[in-house]
Amino acid sequence: MAVYELHDKAVMKKPHPCGENLWEITFLGADVKLRCCKCGRMVMLPRQDFDKSLKKVIKKETEQLQ
């Protein structure tokens, strides 16, 4: 099981019909809400289905205050 947080980018096994397979995680709970990074379409998947179709997680960029 991958470790992911809100606003991380997720690469899925199958692409969206628009051709993109990179998604941003916008909600975490029993379901996971994703936004396509190309067309902006939002989808909700049960967490179990999301875990099955997840290929890898790209962590969000964190700003460091100096």
C-alpha atoms as a PDB file:
ATOM      1  CA  MET A   1       0.000   0.000   0.000  1.00  0.00           C
ATOM      2  CA  ALA A   2       1.360   3.393  -1.022  1.00  0.00           C
ATOM      3  CA  VAL A   3       1.503   6.344   1.338  1.00  0.00           C
ATOM      4  CA  TYR A   4      -0.191   9.421  -0.091  1.00  0.00           C
ATOM      5  CA  GLU A   5      -1.507  12.713   1.220  1.00  0.00           C
ATOM      6  CA  LEU A   6      -3.836  15.459   0.078  1.00  0.00           C
ATOM      7  CA  HIS A   7      -2.643  17.318  -3.075  1.00  0.00           C
ATOM      8  CA  ASP A   8      -0.088  14.649  -4.013  1.00  0.00           C
ATOM      9  CA  LYS A   9       0.021  13.663  -7.678  1.00  0.00           C
ATOM     10  CA  ALA A  10      -0.918  10.074  -8.507  1.00  0.00           C
ATOM     11  CA  VAL A  11       0.077   8.194 -11.663  1.00  0.00           C
ATOM     12  CA  MET A  12      -2.583   5.622 -12.505  1.00  0.00           C
ATOM     13  CA  LYS A  13      -2.222   2.389 -14.484  1.00  0.00           C
ATOM     14  CA  LYS A  14      -4.816   3.317 -17.110  1.00  0.00           C
ATOM     15  CA  PRO A  15      -5.055   6.797 -18.647  1.00  0.00           C
ATOM     16  CA  HIS A  16      -8.131   9.043 -18.572  1.00  0.00           C
ATOM     17  CA  PRO A  17      -9.972   9.279 -21.949  1.00  0.00           C
ATOM     18  CA  CYS A  18      -8.293  12.672 -22.487  1.00  0.00           C
ATOM     19  CA  GLY A  19      -4.943  10.813 -22.600  1.00  0.00           C
ATOM     20  CA  GLU A  20      -3.502  11.864 -19.228  1.00  0.00           C
ATOM     21  CA  ASN A  21      -2.691   9.415 -16.421  1.00  0.00           C
ATOM     22  CA  LEU A  22      -1.556  12.034 -13.853  1.00  0.00           C
ATOM     23  CA  TRP A  23      -4.130  12.962 -11.201  1.00  0.00           C
ATOM     24  CA  GLU A  24      -4.142  15.267  -8.163  1.00  0.00           C
ATOM     25  CA  ILE A  25      -5.634  13.907  -4.936  1.00  0.00           C
ATOM     26  CA  THR A  26      -8.223  16.434  -3.711  1.00  0.00           C
ATOM     27  CA  PHE A  27     -10.075  14.427  -1.025  1.00  0.00           C
ATOM     28  CA  LEU A  28      -9.121  11.492   1.185  1.00  0.00           C
ATOM     29  CA  GLY A  29     -11.579   9.422   3.193  1.00  0.00           C
ATOM     30  CA  ALA A  30     -13.363   6.157   2.549  1.00  0.00           C
ATOM     31  CA  ASP A  31     -13.361   7.421  -1.049  1.00  0.00           C
ATOM     32  CA  VAL A  32     -10.602   9.254  -2.891  1.00  0.00           C
ATOM     33  CA  LYS A  33     -11.452  12.256  -5.069  1.00  0.00           C
ATOM     34  CA  LEU A  34      -9.104  12.912  -7.976  1.00  0.00           C
ATOM     35  CA  ARG A  35      -8.729  15.773 -10.470  1.00  0.00           C
ATOM     36  CA  CYS A  36      -7.245  15.104 -13.905  1.00  0.00           C
ATOM     37  CA  CYS A  37      -4.184  17.316 -14.400  1.00  0.00           C
ATOM     38  CA  LYS A  38      -4.909  17.785 -18.127  1.00  0.00           C
ATOM     39  CA  CYS A  39      -8.652  18.384 -18.489  1.00  0.00           C
ATOM     40  CA  GLY A  40      -9.691  19.089 -14.867  1.00  0.00           C
ATOM     41  CA  ARG A  41     -12.358  16.354 -14.682  1.00  0.00           C
ATOM     42  CA  MET A  42     -13.115  15.211 -11.112  1.00  0.00           C
ATOM     43  CA  VAL A  43     -13.788  11.557 -10.230  1.00  0.00           C
ATOM     44  CA  MET A  44     -14.352   9.704  -6.960  1.00  0.00           C
ATOM     45  CA  LEU A  45     -13.136   6.165  -6.423  1.00  0.00           C
ATOM     46  CA  PRO A  46     -13.483   3.869  -3.431  1.00  0.00           C
ATOM     47  CA  ARG A  47     -10.097   3.783  -1.675  1.00  0.00           C
ATOM     48  CA  GLN A  48      -9.744   0.051  -2.383  1.00  0.00           C
ATOM     49  CA  ASP A  49     -10.167   0.589  -6.166  1.00  0.00           C
ATOM     50  CA  PHE A  50      -7.788   3.569  -6.028  1.00  0.00           C
ATOM     51  CA  ASP A  51      -5.105   1.465  -4.309  1.00  0.00           C
ATOM     52  CA  LYS A  52      -5.457  -1.238  -6.988  1.00  0.00           C
ATOM     53  CA  SER A  53      -5.137   1.152  -9.940  1.00  0.00           C
ATOM     54  CA  LEU A  54      -2.358   3.320  -8.452  1.00  0.00           C
ATOM     55  CA  LYS A  55       1.008   3.017 -10.193  1.00  0.00           C
ATOM     56  CA  LYS A  56       3.076   5.546  -8.202  1.00  0.00           C
ATOM     57  CA  VAL A  57       2.770   8.688  -6.089  1.00  0.00           C
ATOM     58  CA  ILE A  58       4.574  11.949  -6.770  1.00  0.00           C
ATOM     59  CA  LYS A  59       4.795  13.920  -3.541  1.00  0.00           C
ATOM     60  CA  LYS A  60       3.588  17.516  -3.515  1.00  0.00           C
ATOM     61  CA  GLU A  61       6.201  20.220  -3.476  1.00  0.00           C
ATOM     62  CA  THR A  62       6.522  21.749  -0.050  1.00  0.00           C
ATOM     63  CA  GLU A  63       7.666  25.312   0.325  1.00  0.00           C
ATOM     64  CA  GLN A  64      10.424  25.769   2.855  1.00  0.00           C
ATOM     65  CA  LEU A  65      10.477  28.986   4.804  1.00  0.00           C
ATOM     66  CA  GLN A  66      13.909  30.357   5.565  1.00  0.00           C
END
